[in-house]
Amino acid sequence: MKICDLKFVLATALLTAALAIGNVQAYTLEQFTFDDPAQTEAFHNLIGELRCLVCQNESLAGSQAGVAQDLRKEIYRMMREGKSRTEVIDFLVARYGDFVLYEPPLKPATYVLWFGPFVLLGIGGLLLFRALQRKKAAPEQDLTDAEQARLQQLLTKNGD
């Protein structure tokens, strides 16, 4: 067996082992069970409304990041201890800030999040309006006789 074949076999074995380990560590939400189906539903609703700190555009329910799994375990533990939804959310906000919420509360620290897009849209609209007004106010100038002659010369030269 050649050395390059041996390297290929070794690399393939390592890749297969890495994929197998990754599948073993995959999460399932079924591991989070409660005695009360309503509490299970409340848990699933809550983790669906909280943002993964790593993925940013995924909820804790949909994220496969390790941090998301840790947060799910922490929320599960707190709910098993009898903490209310509000207490769990308050704990997470105190620890990670309003970023953990998909809909942060309206307060001075989050005004940029809530009103920033509208302000930027307004500024863009104002700039567009001013540009159109300036274009309308500045009449287009006709070409001078020299410019028209030069243009005609270029057109006839390129037409040959």
C-alpha atoms as a PDB file:
ATOM      1  CA  MET A   1       0.000   0.000   0.000  1.00  0.00           C
ATOM      2  CA  LYS A   2       1.357   3.403  -0.948  1.00  0.00           C
ATOM      3  CA  ILE A   3       1.837   6.180   1.588  1.00  0.00           C
ATOM      4  CA  CYS A   4      -0.666   8.466  -0.181  1.00  0.00           C
ATOM      5  CA  ASP A   5      -3.292   5.665  -0.059  1.00  0.00           C
ATOM      6  CA  LEU A   6      -2.595   5.218   3.653  1.00  0.00           C
ATOM      7  CA  LYS A   7      -3.043   8.960   4.230  1.00  0.00           C
ATOM      8  CA  PHE A   8      -6.350   8.870   2.368  1.00  0.00           C
ATOM      9  CA  VAL A   9      -7.611   5.934   4.441  1.00  0.00           C
ATOM     10  CA  LEU A  10      -6.517   7.630   7.665  1.00  0.00           C
ATOM     11  CA  ALA A  11      -8.154  10.937   6.686  1.00  0.00           C
ATOM     12  CA  THR A  12     -11.369   9.149   5.744  1.00  0.00           C
ATOM     13  CA  ALA A  13     -11.403   7.288   9.063  1.00  0.00           C
ATOM     14  CA  LEU A  14     -10.876  10.527  11.001  1.00  0.00           C
ATOM     15  CA  LEU A  15     -13.634  12.306   9.080  1.00  0.00           C
ATOM     16  CA  THR A  16     -16.036   9.420   9.680  1.00  0.00           C
ATOM     17  CA  ALA A  17     -15.209   9.415  13.389  1.00  0.00           C
ATOM     18  CA  ALA A  18     -15.735  13.189  13.613  1.00  0.00           C
ATOM     19  CA  LEU A  19     -19.116  12.929  11.904  1.00  0.00           C
ATOM     20  CA  ALA A  20     -20.159  10.068  14.182  1.00  0.00           C
ATOM     21  CA  ILE A  21     -19.204  12.070  17.279  1.00  0.00           C
ATOM     22  CA  GLY A  22     -21.129  15.077  15.951  1.00  0.00           C
ATOM     23  CA  ASN A  23     -24.230  12.936  15.517  1.00  0.00           C
ATOM     24  CA  VAL A  24     -23.928  11.563  19.023  1.00  0.00           C
ATOM     25  CA  GLN A  25     -23.843  15.104  20.457  1.00  0.00           C
ATOM     26  CA  ALA A  26     -26.850  16.274  18.444  1.00  0.00           C
ATOM     27  CA  TYR A  27     -29.665  17.580  20.586  1.00  0.00           C
ATOM     28  CA  THR A  28     -33.302  16.697  20.723  1.00  0.00           C
ATOM     29  CA  LEU A  29     -36.018  18.617  22.450  1.00  0.00           C
ATOM     30  CA  GLU A  30     -37.605  15.344  23.577  1.00  0.00           C
ATOM     31  CA  GLN A  31     -35.076  15.143  26.412  1.00  0.00           C
ATOM     32  CA  PHE A  32     -36.860  18.070  28.084  1.00  0.00           C
ATOM     33  CA  THR A  33     -39.991  16.528  29.520  1.00  0.00           C
ATOM     34  CA  PHE A  34     -42.321  17.698  32.248  1.00  0.00           C
ATOM     35  CA  ASP A  35     -45.064  15.933  34.155  1.00  0.00           C
ATOM     36  CA  ASP A  36     -47.597  18.499  32.979  1.00  0.00           C
ATOM     37  CA  PRO A  37     -48.156  18.816  29.196  1.00  0.00           C
ATOM     38  CA  ALA A  38     -49.006  22.500  29.675  1.00  0.00           C
ATOM     39  CA  GLN A  39     -45.589  23.080  31.236  1.00  0.00           C
ATOM     40  CA  THR A  40     -43.942  21.247  28.304  1.00  0.00           C
ATOM     41  CA  GLU A  41     -45.804  23.508  25.913  1.00  0.00           C
ATOM     42  CA  ALA A  42     -44.823  26.589  27.937  1.00  0.00           C
ATOM     43  CA  PHE A  43     -41.177  25.469  27.789  1.00  0.00           C
ATOM     44  CA  HIS A  44     -41.304  24.976  24.012  1.00  0.00           C
ATOM     45  CA  ASN A  45     -43.029  28.341  23.531  1.00  0.00           C
ATOM     46  CA  LEU A  46     -40.453  30.110  25.696  1.00  0.00           C
ATOM     47  CA  ILE A  47     -37.395  28.674  23.966  1.00  0.00           C
ATOM     48  CA  GLY A  48     -39.045  29.504  20.648  1.00  0.00           C
ATOM     49  CA  GLU A  49     -39.272  33.179  21.668  1.00  0.00           C
ATOM     50  CA  LEU A  50     -35.685  33.529  22.877  1.00  0.00           C
ATOM     51  CA  ARG A  51     -32.756  34.234  20.559  1.00  0.00           C
ATOM     52  CA  CYS A  52     -29.661  32.047  20.361  1.00  0.00           C
ATOM     53  CA  LEU A  53     -26.701  34.154  21.438  1.00  0.00           C
ATOM     54  CA  VAL A  54     -24.399  32.549  18.863  1.00  0.00           C
ATOM     55  CA  CYS A  55     -26.668  32.093  15.838  1.00  0.00           C
ATOM     56  CA  GLN A  56     -28.497  35.410  16.351  1.00  0.00           C
ATOM     57  CA  ASN A  57     -31.209  34.684  13.780  1.00  0.00           C
ATOM     58  CA  GLU A  58     -32.329  31.405  15.303  1.00  0.00           C
ATOM     59  CA  SER A  59     -34.383  30.727  18.357  1.00  0.00           C
ATOM     60  CA  LEU A  60     -33.099  28.565  21.173  1.00  0.00           C
ATOM     61  CA  ALA A  61     -35.503  25.886  19.975  1.00  0.00           C
ATOM     62  CA  GLY A  62     -33.980  25.715  16.508  1.00  0.00           C
ATOM     63  CA  SER A  63     -30.317  26.299  17.245  1.00  0.00           C
ATOM     64  CA  GLN A  64     -27.797  23.482  17.456  1.00  0.00           C
ATOM     65  CA  ALA A  65     -25.080  25.623  19.035  1.00  0.00           C
ATOM     66  CA  GLY A  66     -23.600  24.444  22.301  1.00  0.00           C
ATOM     67  CA  VAL A  67     -24.554  27.697  24.016  1.00  0.00           C
ATOM     68  CA  ALA A  68     -28.171  27.194  22.953  1.00  0.00           C
ATOM     69  CA  GLN A  69     -28.152  23.685  24.404  1.00  0.00           C
ATOM     70  CA  ASP A  70     -26.749  25.052  27.671  1.00  0.00           C
ATOM     71  CA  LEU A  71     -29.427  27.753  27.798  1.00  0.00           C
ATOM     72  CA  ARG A  72     -32.172  25.200  27.102  1.00  0.00           C
ATOM     73  CA  LYS A  73     -30.854  23.089  29.986  1.00  0.00           C
ATOM     74  CA  GLU A  74     -30.758  26.144  32.262  1.00  0.00           C
ATOM     75  CA  ILE A  75     -34.315  27.156  31.333  1.00  0.00           C
ATOM     76  CA  TYR A  76     -35.470  23.568  31.807  1.00  0.00           C
ATOM     77  CA  ARG A  77     -33.846  23.440  35.252  1.00  0.00           C
ATOM     78  CA  MET A  78     -35.415  26.743  36.287  1.00  0.00           C
ATOM     79  CA  MET A  79     -38.871  25.689  35.100  1.00  0.00           C
ATOM     80  CA  ARG A  80     -38.536  22.341  36.900  1.00  0.00           C
ATOM     81  CA  GLU A  81     -37.745  24.327  40.058  1.00  0.00           C
ATOM     82  CA  GLY A  82     -41.042  26.159  39.631  1.00  0.00           C
ATOM     83  CA  LYS A  83     -39.749  29.488  38.307  1.00  0.00           C
ATOM     84  CA  SER A  84     -42.302  31.467  36.341  1.00  0.00           C
ATOM     85  CA  ARG A  85     -41.905  32.552  32.745  1.00  0.00           C
ATOM     86  CA  THR A  86     -41.244  36.122  33.903  1.00  0.00           C
ATOM     87  CA  GLU A  87     -38.567  34.996  36.350  1.00  0.00           C
ATOM     88  CA  VAL A  88     -36.790  32.972  33.654  1.00  0.00           C
ATOM     89  CA  ILE A  89     -36.885  35.869  31.184  1.00  0.00           C
ATOM     90  CA  ASP A  90     -35.716  38.345  33.836  1.00  0.00           C
ATOM     91  CA  PHE A  91     -32.795  36.046  34.687  1.00  0.00           C
ATOM     92  CA  LEU A  92     -31.753  35.741  31.034  1.00  0.00           C
ATOM     93  CA  VAL A  93     -32.093  39.486  30.373  1.00  0.00           C
ATOM     94  CA  ALA A  94     -30.092  40.295  33.508  1.00  0.00           C
ATOM     95  CA  ARG A  95     -27.370  37.922  32.380  1.00  0.00           C
ATOM     96  CA  TYR A  96     -27.302  38.476  28.589  1.00  0.00           C
ATOM     97  CA  GLY A  97     -29.147  41.745  28.035  1.00  0.00           C
ATOM     98  CA  ASP A  98     -32.162  42.511  25.876  1.00  0.00           C
ATOM     99  CA  PHE A  99     -30.422  40.864  22.918  1.00  0.00           C
ATOM    100  CA  VAL A 100     -31.691  37.476  24.077  1.00  0.00           C
ATOM    101  CA  LEU A 101     -35.264  38.627  23.354  1.00  0.00           C
ATOM    102  CA  TYR A 102     -36.603  38.645  19.802  1.00  0.00           C
ATOM    103  CA  GLU A 103     -38.810  41.600  20.749  1.00  0.00           C
ATOM    104  CA  PRO A 104     -36.851  43.796  23.154  1.00  0.00           C
ATOM    105  CA  PRO A 105     -38.906  46.110  25.387  1.00  0.00           C
ATOM    106  CA  LEU A 106     -39.377  49.740  24.438  1.00  0.00           C
ATOM    107  CA  LYS A 107     -37.024  51.713  26.661  1.00  0.00           C
ATOM    108  CA  PRO A 108     -34.326  54.350  26.097  1.00  0.00           C
ATOM    109  CA  ALA A 109     -31.595  51.732  25.653  1.00  0.00           C
ATOM    110  CA  THR A 110     -33.541  50.075  22.803  1.00  0.00           C
ATOM    111  CA  TYR A 111     -34.837  53.163  20.993  1.00  0.00           C
ATOM    112  CA  VAL A 112     -32.225  52.608  18.270  1.00  0.00           C
ATOM    113  CA  LEU A 113     -33.543  49.095  17.666  1.00  0.00           C
ATOM    114  CA  TRP A 114     -37.150  50.210  17.484  1.00  0.00           C
ATOM    115  CA  PHE A 115     -36.884  53.551  15.714  1.00  0.00           C
ATOM    116  CA  GLY A 116     -33.516  53.336  13.925  1.00  0.00           C
ATOM    117  CA  PRO A 117     -34.868  51.739  10.727  1.00  0.00           C
ATOM    118  CA  PHE A 118     -37.628  54.353  10.453  1.00  0.00           C
ATOM    119  CA  VAL A 119     -35.151  57.196  11.005  1.00  0.00           C
ATOM    120  CA  LEU A 120     -32.822  55.797   8.327  1.00  0.00           C
ATOM    121  CA  LEU A 121     -35.742  55.348   5.948  1.00  0.00           C
ATOM    122  CA  GLY A 122     -36.837  58.940   6.585  1.00  0.00           C
ATOM    123  CA  ILE A 123     -33.319  60.291   5.995  1.00  0.00           C
ATOM    124  CA  GLY A 124     -33.070  58.283   2.770  1.00  0.00           C
ATOM    125  CA  GLY A 125     -36.442  59.600   1.604  1.00  0.00           C
ATOM    126  CA  LEU A 126     -35.451  63.161   2.452  1.00  0.00           C
ATOM    127  CA  LEU A 127     -32.176  62.850   0.527  1.00  0.00           C
ATOM    128  CA  LEU A 128     -34.000  61.380  -2.462  1.00  0.00           C
ATOM    129  CA  PHE A 129     -36.591  64.170  -2.359  1.00  0.00           C
ATOM    130  CA  ARG A 130     -33.877  66.863  -2.195  1.00  0.00           C
ATOM    131  CA  ALA A 131     -31.940  65.268  -5.082  1.00  0.00           C
ATOM    132  CA  LEU A 132     -35.072  65.166  -7.240  1.00  0.00           C
ATOM    133  CA  GLN A 133     -35.922  68.794  -6.379  1.00  0.00           C
ATOM    134  CA  ARG A 134     -32.397  69.936  -7.300  1.00  0.00           C
ATOM    135  CA  LYS A 135     -32.566  68.057 -10.578  1.00  0.00           C
ATOM    136  CA  LYS A 136     -35.921  69.663 -11.349  1.00  0.00           C
ATOM    137  CA  ALA A 137     -34.675  73.154 -10.404  1.00  0.00           C
ATOM    138  CA  ALA A 138     -31.506  72.953 -12.505  1.00  0.00           C
ATOM    139  CA  PRO A 139     -32.584  73.048 -16.163  1.00  0.00           C
ATOM    140  CA  GLU A 140     -30.653  70.938 -18.584  1.00  0.00           C
ATOM    141  CA  GLN A 141     -28.364  73.006 -20.754  1.00  0.00           C
ATOM    142  CA  ASP A 142     -28.217  72.583 -24.484  1.00  0.00           C
ATOM    143  CA  LEU A 143     -24.937  71.717 -26.111  1.00  0.00           C
ATOM    144  CA  THR A 144     -22.922  74.621 -27.421  1.00  0.00           C
ATOM    145  CA  ASP A 145     -22.220  74.849 -31.162  1.00  0.00           C
ATOM    146  CA  ALA A 146     -18.677  73.610 -30.580  1.00  0.00           C
ATOM    147  CA  GLU A 147     -19.895  70.634 -28.552  1.00  0.00           C
ATOM    148  CA  GLN A 148     -22.493  69.756 -31.202  1.00  0.00           C
ATOM    149  CA  ALA A 149     -19.856  69.908 -33.946  1.00  0.00           C
ATOM    150  CA  ARG A 150     -17.517  67.670 -31.925  1.00  0.00           C
ATOM    151  CA  LEU A 151     -20.368  65.211 -31.273  1.00  0.00           C
ATOM    152  CA  GLN A 152     -21.286  65.121 -34.958  1.00  0.00           C
ATOM    153  CA  GLN A 153     -17.647  64.555 -35.842  1.00  0.00           C
ATOM    154  CA  LEU A 154     -17.379  61.617 -33.421  1.00  0.00           C
ATOM    155  CA  LEU A 155     -20.636  60.070 -34.678  1.00  0.00           C
ATOM    156  CA  THR A 156     -19.602  60.248 -38.328  1.00  0.00           C
ATOM    157  CA  LYS A 157     -16.132  58.917 -37.512  1.00  0.00           C
ATOM    158  CA  ASN A 158     -17.574  55.912 -35.651  1.00  0.00           C
ATOM    159  CA  GLY A 159     -20.217  55.336 -38.321  1.00  0.00           C
ATOM    160  CA  ASP A 160     -17.563  54.601 -41.001  1.00  0.00           C
END
